[in-house]
Amino acid sequence: MLGYHQRMSLDRLLEAARADPTTVRDWLRANPPEHFRHTLAHVATRVTEGEDFFIAMREFLDQFMIRPDGRRQEAIDDVPSTTGDARHDAFLAGLAEHLAWHHSLHLPTWTNDPTRFLDRFWFVSSVRGFRAILIAHSPAAFRRRGIFVHPDSLVRY
């Protein structure tokens, strides 16, 4: 529970946010970084160096969403090295296919490599009660690889 001073600080922040309609995302679109370094290949490299797969993947998605449309294709084109985990390798291919479909990009040929498909189903959530939901709502690019993930986990704002 927030204390009095924390509530007051939060109230001031919310008031300031309402007064200025510019969001961080709007600002980044108007002032894009000079160099976008996050690619799916970069995600694989980070994971092999010991970083958490889902953190690296979410950071990639954050940067992908603020890229100008003309710079999105390069984020999925390079072939990611193997991460040492077949599930993550297949996930990266599914993510590339999913993004290509939703953003009218060319599907990289590396996404159809047989090593980018799983032999056993992988439910990304470990909560057994979510399995039916994941089967019903998982994007096709992931389902066809044997991966069941909720589409909301692929959306970044």
Foldseek 3Di string as FASTA:
>chain_A
DDDPVRVVVVVVVVVVCVVDVDDPLNVCLVVPDPDDDAALQVLLVVLLVPDDSLVSLVVSLVNLVSDDLVPNQVRYADQHDHNPDLLSLLVSLLLQVVCCVVSVHDRHPNSPPPSSADPEADEPDPPPVCPVVQVVAADPSQVRRRYGDHVVSSDDD
